């Protein structure tokens, strides 16, 4: 994941050492990688995203690790102990924490447990401690898509060429509800021609992943329009490419160890999600997989928010489909020495965008988020559609 955020540290690295720590279960730190029959990192064995298939896959992965590894020892509570041991090993009295996405949970938990060892906290794409991860994914994606698609609907040229993106998506989903579409497409990575079936699972995964980056999501209105004209080849190739990239990056076993320990007991299947793009599938799959994945109970004080006077820089993207800006507002209420910056037109992970690397470096130098001059960020423009 480093290449995607490396530019965020260009200014900071001029005066500071950047320590990258593989959380246990990731990278080279005993990776909990669930692999399919072809040896590829995966969430399920194939394109079958049914609850049964997902459960069977998790059970096989758990059985594989049971021979050598106690997968219940890979929670956030374990990770922050490791992090403090690393701090001690490098001889630092205190550290500047940077957490992105799930890393914001690790950063908050560390700062709660080791306040005297925490100089500053920068959290990008914030997940509040009282948030049950997965519970609001479907609704948050819909809100993000509404905001992003509205830009095309309000743009005369975009709407004339591609129509209403939401209506185009709904039309495509109606077609797919009758069954997958046979597609002859060219693999975006190998150039090889293939035959496949484009399904609702493909469109849900692709739309969700592209929504993380508005520059990429800008491709969707055209792709939906073309698919409704009988040309789903590009969507199929794009979904296959994105799916492989995501699978290679995610250590699904470690993800299960975290979410099964910390969230699944509070997940509730919400019937109101059934008509949304993601539906109730994520919650159903998580609950089913965790029923066969060994895990432990989260600490009693886990849901308590981070409080106190630690300087905190909170970053959010206006269109973030998984950790929307309201989450940053909720966290900031408990932190008197914090500043919440919402980056216009951006999605998930905004630390590398625009002048943010300079603001980040200034924050680490001064340990004062409130005094940051954010005029440069407010000048950012939207990605064209």
Protein backbone atom coordinates (compact mmCIF):
# COMPACT_ATOMS: atom_id res chain seq x y z
CA UNK A 1 0.00 0.00 0.00
CA UNK A 2 3.01 2.33 0.36
CA UNK A 3 3.09 3.52 -3.30
CA UNK A 4 -0.46 4.88 -2.97
CA UNK A 5 0.50 7.16 -0.05
CA UNK A 6 4.24 7.73 -0.57
CA UNK A 7 3.73 11.27 -1.89
CA UNK A 8 2.05 12.20 1.40
CA UNK A 9 5.41 11.87 3.16
CA UNK A 10 7.59 13.84 0.74
CA UNK A 11 7.74 16.94 2.94
CA UNK A 12 7.79 15.08 6.26
CA UNK A 13 10.68 12.85 5.20
CA UNK A 14 12.96 15.87 4.75
CA UNK A 15 13.27 16.21 8.53
CA UNK A 16 11.86 13.04 10.05
CA UNK A 17 12.27 9.29 9.97
CA UNK A 18 9.28 7.40 8.61
CA UNK A 19 8.77 4.02 10.31
CA UNK A 20 6.53 1.60 8.40
CA UNK A 21 5.34 -1.26 10.57
CA UNK A 22 3.74 -4.41 9.16
CA UNK A 23 0.84 -5.10 11.49
CA UNK A 24 0.88 -8.74 12.55
CA UNK A 25 -1.02 -10.71 9.94
CA UNK A 26 0.12 -8.50 7.06
CA UNK A 27 3.17 -8.04 4.86
CA UNK A 28 5.99 -10.25 6.10
CA UNK A 29 4.66 -10.37 9.68
CA UNK A 30 3.05 -13.82 9.62
CA UNK A 31 0.55 -12.85 6.89
CA UNK A 32 -2.92 -14.32 7.32
CA UNK A 33 -3.60 -14.68 3.62
CA UNK A 34 -6.57 -16.78 2.55
CA UNK A 35 -5.77 -18.30 -0.85
CA UNK A 36 -7.99 -19.92 -3.44
CA UNK A 37 -7.19 -23.21 -5.17
CA UNK A 38 -4.93 -21.36 -7.63
CA UNK A 39 -2.82 -19.84 -4.86
CA UNK A 40 -4.24 -16.35 -5.27
CA UNK A 41 -5.17 -14.16 -2.32
CA UNK A 42 -8.95 -14.09 -2.22
CA UNK A 43 -12.11 -13.54 -0.20
CA UNK A 44 -14.01 -16.42 -1.78
CA UNK A 45 -12.98 -19.38 -3.92
CA UNK A 46 -14.48 -17.98 -7.14
CA UNK A 47 -16.96 -15.35 -8.29
CA UNK A 48 -19.55 -17.04 -6.07
CA UNK A 49 -20.22 -14.43 -3.38
CA UNK A 50 -23.00 -16.43 -1.75
CA UNK A 51 -23.04 -16.80 2.01
CA UNK A 52 -22.47 -20.54 1.70
CA UNK A 53 -19.41 -20.15 -0.54
CA UNK A 54 -17.94 -17.43 1.65
CA UNK A 55 -18.45 -19.51 4.80
CA UNK A 56 -16.86 -22.58 3.26
CA UNK A 57 -13.88 -20.53 2.12
CA UNK A 58 -13.35 -19.00 5.59
CA UNK A 59 -13.63 -22.43 7.22
CA UNK A 60 -10.97 -23.86 4.89
CA UNK A 61 -8.68 -20.91 5.55
CA UNK A 62 -9.15 -21.26 9.33
CA UNK A 63 -8.37 -24.97 9.11
CA UNK A 64 -5.19 -24.21 7.18
CA UNK A 65 -3.90 -21.81 9.85
CA UNK A 66 -5.03 -24.00 12.75
CA UNK A 67 -1.98 -26.20 12.14
CA UNK A 68 0.50 -23.43 12.98
CA UNK A 69 -1.21 -20.22 14.11
CA UNK A 70 -3.68 -18.97 16.71
CA UNK A 71 -5.58 -16.52 14.49
CA UNK A 72 -7.46 -15.09 17.49
CA UNK A 73 -4.26 -13.23 18.49
CA UNK A 74 -4.43 -10.78 15.57
CA UNK A 75 -6.76 -8.07 16.86
CA UNK A 76 -6.27 -4.33 17.18
CA UNK A 77 -5.53 -4.79 20.90
CA UNK A 78 -2.60 -7.01 19.94
CA UNK A 79 -1.45 -4.60 17.24
CA UNK A 80 -1.06 -1.63 19.60
CA UNK A 81 1.06 -3.69 21.99
CA UNK A 82 3.30 -4.56 19.05
CA UNK A 83 3.43 -0.90 18.06
CA UNK A 84 4.57 0.20 21.50
CA UNK A 85 7.22 -2.51 21.58
CA UNK A 86 8.48 -1.12 18.27
CA UNK A 87 8.54 2.39 19.78
CA UNK A 88 10.63 1.11 22.65
CA UNK A 89 12.94 -0.77 20.28
CA UNK A 90 13.81 2.37 18.31
CA UNK A 91 14.33 4.36 21.50
CA UNK A 92 11.61 6.96 20.92
CA UNK A 93 10.05 8.63 23.97
CA UNK A 94 6.97 9.46 21.91
CA UNK A 95 5.81 9.05 18.33
CA UNK A 96 3.69 10.81 15.72
CA UNK A 97 0.97 8.36 14.68
CA UNK A 98 -0.45 8.26 11.16
CA UNK A 99 -3.46 6.05 10.49
CA UNK A 100 -5.43 5.64 7.27
CA UNK A 101 -8.80 3.84 7.04
CA UNK A 102 -8.62 0.85 9.46
CA UNK A 103 -5.33 2.36 10.63
CA UNK A 104 -7.35 5.16 12.24
CA UNK A 105 -8.78 2.56 14.63
CA UNK A 106 -5.27 1.39 15.52
CA UNK A 107 -4.08 4.98 16.03
CA UNK A 108 -7.00 5.86 18.31
CA UNK A 109 -6.60 2.71 20.38
CA UNK A 110 -2.86 3.30 20.75
CA UNK A 111 -3.31 6.93 21.79
CA UNK A 112 -5.93 5.85 24.34
CA UNK A 113 -3.71 3.20 25.91
CA UNK A 114 -0.37 5.03 25.60
CA UNK A 115 -1.16 8.78 25.81
CA UNK A 116 2.28 9.67 27.19
CA UNK A 117 3.94 8.00 24.22
CA UNK A 118 1.81 9.82 21.66
CA UNK A 119 3.00 13.22 20.43
CA UNK A 120 0.47 13.76 17.61
CA UNK A 121 -2.16 11.76 15.74
CA UNK A 122 -3.06 12.14 12.06
CA UNK A 123 -6.11 10.11 11.04
CA UNK A 124 -7.31 9.96 7.43
CA UNK A 125 -10.65 8.33 6.62
CA UNK A 126 -11.68 8.08 10.24
CA UNK A 127 -13.64 5.21 11.75
CA UNK A 128 -15.07 6.35 15.13
CA UNK A 129 -14.57 3.90 17.96
CA UNK A 130 -18.33 3.43 18.43
CA UNK A 131 -18.75 2.53 14.77
CA UNK A 132 -19.52 -1.12 14.04
CA UNK A 133 -17.49 -1.69 10.89
CA UNK A 134 -19.67 -3.01 8.10
CA UNK A 135 -23.00 -1.87 9.52
CA UNK A 136 -23.24 1.30 7.43
CA UNK A 137 -21.26 0.30 4.33
CA UNK A 138 -24.35 -0.05 2.12
CA UNK A 139 -25.91 3.27 3.15
CA UNK A 140 -22.61 5.17 3.00
CA UNK A 141 -21.95 3.96 -0.54
CA UNK A 142 -25.40 5.11 -1.67
CA UNK A 143 -24.82 8.57 -0.19
CA UNK A 144 -21.45 8.83 -1.88
CA UNK A 145 -22.84 7.76 -5.25
CA UNK A 146 -25.70 10.25 -4.95
CA UNK A 147 -23.20 13.08 -4.40
CA UNK A 148 -20.91 11.98 -7.23
CA UNK A 149 -23.64 11.17 -9.75
CA UNK A 150 -25.36 14.49 -9.04
CA UNK A 151 -22.39 16.25 -10.60
CA UNK A 152 -23.06 14.55 -13.95
CA UNK A 153 -26.82 15.11 -13.71
CA UNK A 154 -26.21 18.81 -13.09
CA UNK A 155 -23.76 19.10 -15.98
CA UNK A 156 -25.62 19.61 -19.27
CA UNK A 157 -22.98 17.97 -21.48
CA UNK A 158 -22.50 14.99 -19.19
CA UNK A 159 -26.22 14.34 -18.87
CA UNK A 160 -26.82 14.73 -22.61
CA UNK A 161 -24.09 12.21 -23.47
CA UNK A 162 -24.63 9.65 -20.72
CA UNK A 163 -28.01 10.32 -19.18
CA UNK A 164 -28.74 10.18 -15.47
CA UNK A 165 -26.01 7.90 -13.97
CA UNK A 166 -28.31 6.67 -11.21
CA UNK A 167 -31.02 5.78 -13.72
CA UNK A 168 -28.41 4.07 -15.91
CA UNK A 169 -27.17 2.03 -12.95
CA UNK A 170 -30.71 1.05 -11.97
CA UNK A 171 -31.45 -0.03 -15.55
CA UNK A 172 -28.31 -2.17 -15.60
CA UNK A 173 -29.16 -3.76 -12.25
CA UNK A 174 -32.65 -4.58 -13.53
CA UNK A 175 -31.11 -6.34 -16.52
CA UNK A 176 -28.65 -8.25 -14.32
CA UNK A 177 -31.39 -9.28 -11.89
CA UNK A 178 -32.62 -11.62 -14.65
CA UNK A 179 -29.25 -13.35 -14.72
CA UNK A 180 -25.60 -12.72 -15.65
CA UNK A 181 -24.72 -11.31 -19.08
CA UNK A 182 -22.37 -13.40 -21.27
CA UNK A 183 -19.38 -11.24 -22.20
CA UNK A 184 -16.46 -11.70 -24.57
CA UNK A 185 -13.82 -9.35 -23.23
CA UNK A 186 -10.12 -8.61 -23.22
CA UNK A 187 -8.22 -9.08 -19.96
CA UNK A 188 -6.98 -5.64 -18.90
CA UNK A 189 -3.77 -7.08 -17.46
CA UNK A 190 -2.74 -9.76 -19.95
CA UNK A 191 -4.49 -8.64 -23.12
CA UNK A 192 -5.91 -12.16 -23.49
CA UNK A 193 -9.43 -12.52 -24.88
CA UNK A 194 -11.76 -14.33 -22.50
CA UNK A 195 -15.38 -15.36 -22.12
CA UNK A 196 -17.16 -14.64 -18.88
CA UNK A 197 -20.43 -13.72 -17.23
CA UNK A 198 -20.99 -10.21 -15.89
CA UNK A 199 -23.18 -10.27 -12.77
CA UNK A 200 -24.63 -8.07 -10.04
CA UNK A 201 -21.67 -9.13 -7.88
CA UNK A 202 -19.27 -7.62 -10.40
CA UNK A 203 -21.13 -4.31 -10.65
CA UNK A 204 -21.53 -3.96 -6.88
CA UNK A 205 -17.84 -4.66 -6.20
CA UNK A 206 -16.62 -2.41 -9.02
CA UNK A 207 -18.87 0.51 -8.17
CA UNK A 208 -17.91 0.34 -4.51
CA UNK A 209 -14.17 0.19 -5.19
CA UNK A 210 -14.16 2.99 -7.78
CA UNK A 211 -16.21 5.19 -5.45
CA UNK A 212 -13.16 5.38 -3.18
CA UNK A 213 -11.45 7.60 -5.78
CA UNK A 214 -13.72 10.14 -7.57
CA UNK A 215 -11.21 10.41 -10.43
CA UNK A 216 -11.83 6.71 -11.11
CA UNK A 217 -15.56 6.90 -10.34
CA UNK A 218 -15.85 9.48 -13.12
CA UNK A 219 -15.55 6.51 -15.50
CA UNK A 220 -18.78 4.96 -14.27
CA UNK A 221 -21.46 7.09 -16.04
CA UNK A 222 -19.96 6.27 -19.45
CA UNK A 223 -19.50 2.59 -18.56
CA UNK A 224 -23.09 2.24 -17.34
CA UNK A 225 -24.39 3.92 -20.49
CA UNK A 226 -22.36 1.62 -22.74
CA UNK A 227 -23.40 -1.51 -20.83
CA UNK A 228 -27.06 -0.59 -21.25
CA UNK A 229 -26.43 -0.42 -25.00
CA UNK A 230 -25.19 -4.00 -24.92
CA UNK A 231 -21.49 -3.31 -24.44
CA UNK A 232 -20.49 -4.59 -21.00
CA UNK A 233 -17.01 -5.68 -22.13
CA UNK A 234 -15.19 -2.73 -20.58
CA UNK A 235 -17.05 -3.09 -17.28
CA UNK A 236 -16.17 -6.78 -17.13
CA UNK A 237 -12.48 -6.15 -17.84
CA UNK A 238 -12.37 -3.30 -15.34
CA UNK A 239 -14.10 -5.32 -12.60
CA UNK A 240 -11.72 -8.25 -13.10
CA UNK A 241 -8.67 -5.97 -12.90
CA UNK A 242 -9.89 -4.09 -9.82
CA UNK A 243 -10.95 -7.30 -8.10
CA UNK A 244 -7.51 -8.85 -8.56
CA UNK A 245 -5.74 -5.72 -7.34
CA UNK A 246 -7.89 -5.59 -4.21
CA UNK A 247 -7.49 -9.30 -3.49
CA UNK A 248 -3.71 -9.05 -3.73
CA UNK A 249 -3.63 -6.21 -1.18
CA UNK A 250 -6.03 -7.57 1.45
CA UNK A 251 -4.96 -10.18 3.97
CA UNK A 252 -8.45 -11.57 4.41
CA UNK A 253 -7.54 -13.79 7.35
CA UNK A 254 -6.20 -10.83 9.32
CA UNK A 255 -9.31 -8.84 8.37
CA UNK A 256 -11.48 -11.63 9.75
CA UNK A 257 -9.47 -11.81 12.97
CA UNK A 258 -10.05 -8.10 13.54
CA UNK A 259 -13.69 -7.81 12.53
CA UNK A 260 -14.79 -11.06 14.14
CA UNK A 261 -13.22 -10.00 17.45
CA UNK A 262 -14.34 -6.38 17.40
CA UNK A 263 -17.52 -5.90 15.37
CA UNK A 264 -19.47 -8.95 14.26
CA UNK A 265 -21.40 -9.50 17.50
CA UNK A 266 -22.97 -6.04 17.07
CA UNK A 267 -23.72 -6.33 13.36
CA UNK A 268 -27.43 -6.37 12.54
CA UNK A 269 -28.99 -7.28 9.20
CA UNK A 270 -31.03 -4.20 8.27
CA UNK A 271 -33.95 -4.96 5.92
CA UNK A 272 -33.77 -1.32 4.73
CA UNK A 273 -30.49 -2.19 2.99
CA UNK A 274 -32.05 -4.85 0.77
CA UNK A 275 -32.87 -2.41 -2.03
CA UNK A 276 -29.44 -0.75 -1.98
CA UNK A 277 -26.59 -1.65 -4.33
CA UNK A 278 -24.65 -3.63 -1.70
CA UNK A 279 -27.80 -4.96 -0.09
CA UNK A 280 -27.37 -6.92 3.13
CA UNK A 281 -24.69 -9.17 1.64
CA UNK A 282 -21.67 -7.74 3.46
CA UNK A 283 -23.29 -8.12 6.87
CA UNK A 284 -24.61 -11.60 6.08
CA UNK A 285 -21.22 -12.82 4.83
CA UNK A 286 -19.32 -11.33 7.77
CA UNK A 287 -21.61 -12.92 10.34
CA UNK A 288 -21.43 -16.28 8.58
CA UNK A 289 -17.64 -16.25 8.17
CA UNK A 290 -17.08 -15.22 11.77
CA UNK A 291 -19.17 -18.16 12.93
CA UNK A 292 -16.35 -20.41 11.66
CA UNK A 293 -13.36 -18.14 12.32
CA UNK A 294 -11.64 -18.35 15.75
CA UNK A 295 -11.70 -15.02 17.58
CA UNK A 296 -11.74 -13.47 21.02
CA UNK A 297 -13.77 -10.80 22.77
CA UNK A 298 -12.84 -7.13 22.35
CA UNK A 299 -11.63 -5.19 25.45
CA UNK A 300 -14.38 -3.75 27.63
CA UNK A 301 -13.29 -0.14 26.97
CA UNK A 302 -12.89 -0.66 23.23
CA UNK A 303 -15.85 1.52 22.16
CA UNK A 304 -14.83 4.49 24.33
CA UNK A 305 -13.75 7.47 22.18
CA UNK A 306 -10.27 8.94 22.13
CA UNK A 307 -10.29 11.96 24.44
CA UNK A 308 -7.77 14.32 26.01
CA UNK A 309 -5.49 17.08 24.77
CA UNK A 310 -3.40 15.15 22.25
CA UNK A 311 -3.04 17.18 19.01
CA UNK A 312 -5.07 15.45 16.30
CA UNK A 313 -5.39 16.19 12.59
CA UNK A 314 -8.55 14.60 11.17
CA UNK A 315 -8.90 14.26 7.40
CA UNK A 316 -11.98 13.34 5.35
CA UNK A 317 -12.92 13.23 1.69
CA UNK A 318 -16.19 14.87 0.69
CA UNK A 319 -17.26 11.82 -1.34
CA UNK A 320 -15.77 9.08 0.88
CA UNK A 321 -18.01 6.01 0.39
CA UNK A 322 -16.98 4.20 3.59
CA UNK A 323 -15.92 6.81 6.19
CA UNK A 324 -17.91 9.97 5.36
CA UNK A 325 -17.07 13.40 6.82
CA UNK A 326 -19.69 13.11 9.54
CA UNK A 327 -17.49 10.50 11.19
CA UNK A 328 -14.67 13.03 11.44
CA UNK A 329 -17.06 15.54 13.03
CA UNK A 330 -18.10 12.95 15.61
CA UNK A 331 -14.50 12.18 16.58
CA UNK A 332 -13.49 15.85 16.73
CA UNK A 333 -16.14 16.57 19.39
CA UNK A 334 -14.07 14.66 21.95
CA UNK A 335 -10.74 16.27 21.05
CA UNK A 336 -10.28 19.96 21.95
CA UNK A 337 -6.87 20.15 20.22
CA UNK A 338 -8.07 18.74 16.90
CA UNK A 339 -8.89 20.12 13.46
CA UNK A 340 -11.09 18.38 10.90
CA UNK A 341 -10.29 19.09 7.25
CA UNK A 342 -12.76 17.97 4.58
CA UNK A 343 -11.19 17.79 1.13
CA UNK A 344 -13.60 18.86 -1.62
CA UNK A 345 -14.28 16.36 -4.37
CA UNK A 346 -12.11 13.66 -2.82
CA UNK A 347 -12.82 10.12 -1.66
CA UNK A 348 -11.05 7.78 0.74
CA UNK A 349 -7.44 8.62 1.74
CA UNK A 350 -6.77 12.31 1.13
CA UNK A 351 -3.34 12.67 2.76
CA UNK A 352 -1.47 12.68 -0.60
CA UNK A 353 -3.81 15.19 -2.29
CA UNK A 354 -2.91 18.74 -3.24
CA UNK A 355 -1.06 20.69 -0.56
CA UNK A 356 -2.01 18.22 2.16
CA UNK A 357 1.57 16.83 2.41
CA UNK A 358 2.78 20.34 3.32
CA UNK A 359 -0.01 20.86 5.84
CA UNK A 360 0.78 17.46 7.33
CA UNK A 361 4.46 18.37 7.67
CA UNK A 362 3.56 21.69 9.29
CA UNK A 363 1.32 19.91 11.76
CA UNK A 364 4.11 17.55 12.80
CA UNK A 365 6.50 20.48 13.22
CA UNK A 366 4.13 22.57 15.34
CA UNK A 367 1.91 19.90 16.94
CA UNK A 368 -0.88 22.45 16.48
CA UNK A 369 -3.71 21.44 14.13
CA UNK A 370 -5.96 24.39 14.92
CA UNK A 371 -3.58 26.97 13.49
CA UNK A 372 -3.14 25.29 10.09
CA UNK A 373 -3.92 27.57 7.13
CA UNK A 374 -6.06 25.40 4.85
CA UNK A 375 -6.73 27.93 2.07
CA UNK A 376 -4.66 25.86 -0.35
CA UNK A 377 -6.91 22.83 0.16
CA UNK A 378 -10.06 24.85 -0.34
CA UNK A 379 -8.86 25.78 -3.84
CA UNK A 380 -9.04 22.18 -5.09
CA UNK A 381 -11.47 21.52 -7.97
CA UNK A 382 -13.68 18.57 -8.84
CA UNK A 383 -12.61 15.82 -11.20
CA UNK A 384 -14.33 16.19 -14.61
CA UNK A 385 -16.99 13.65 -15.53
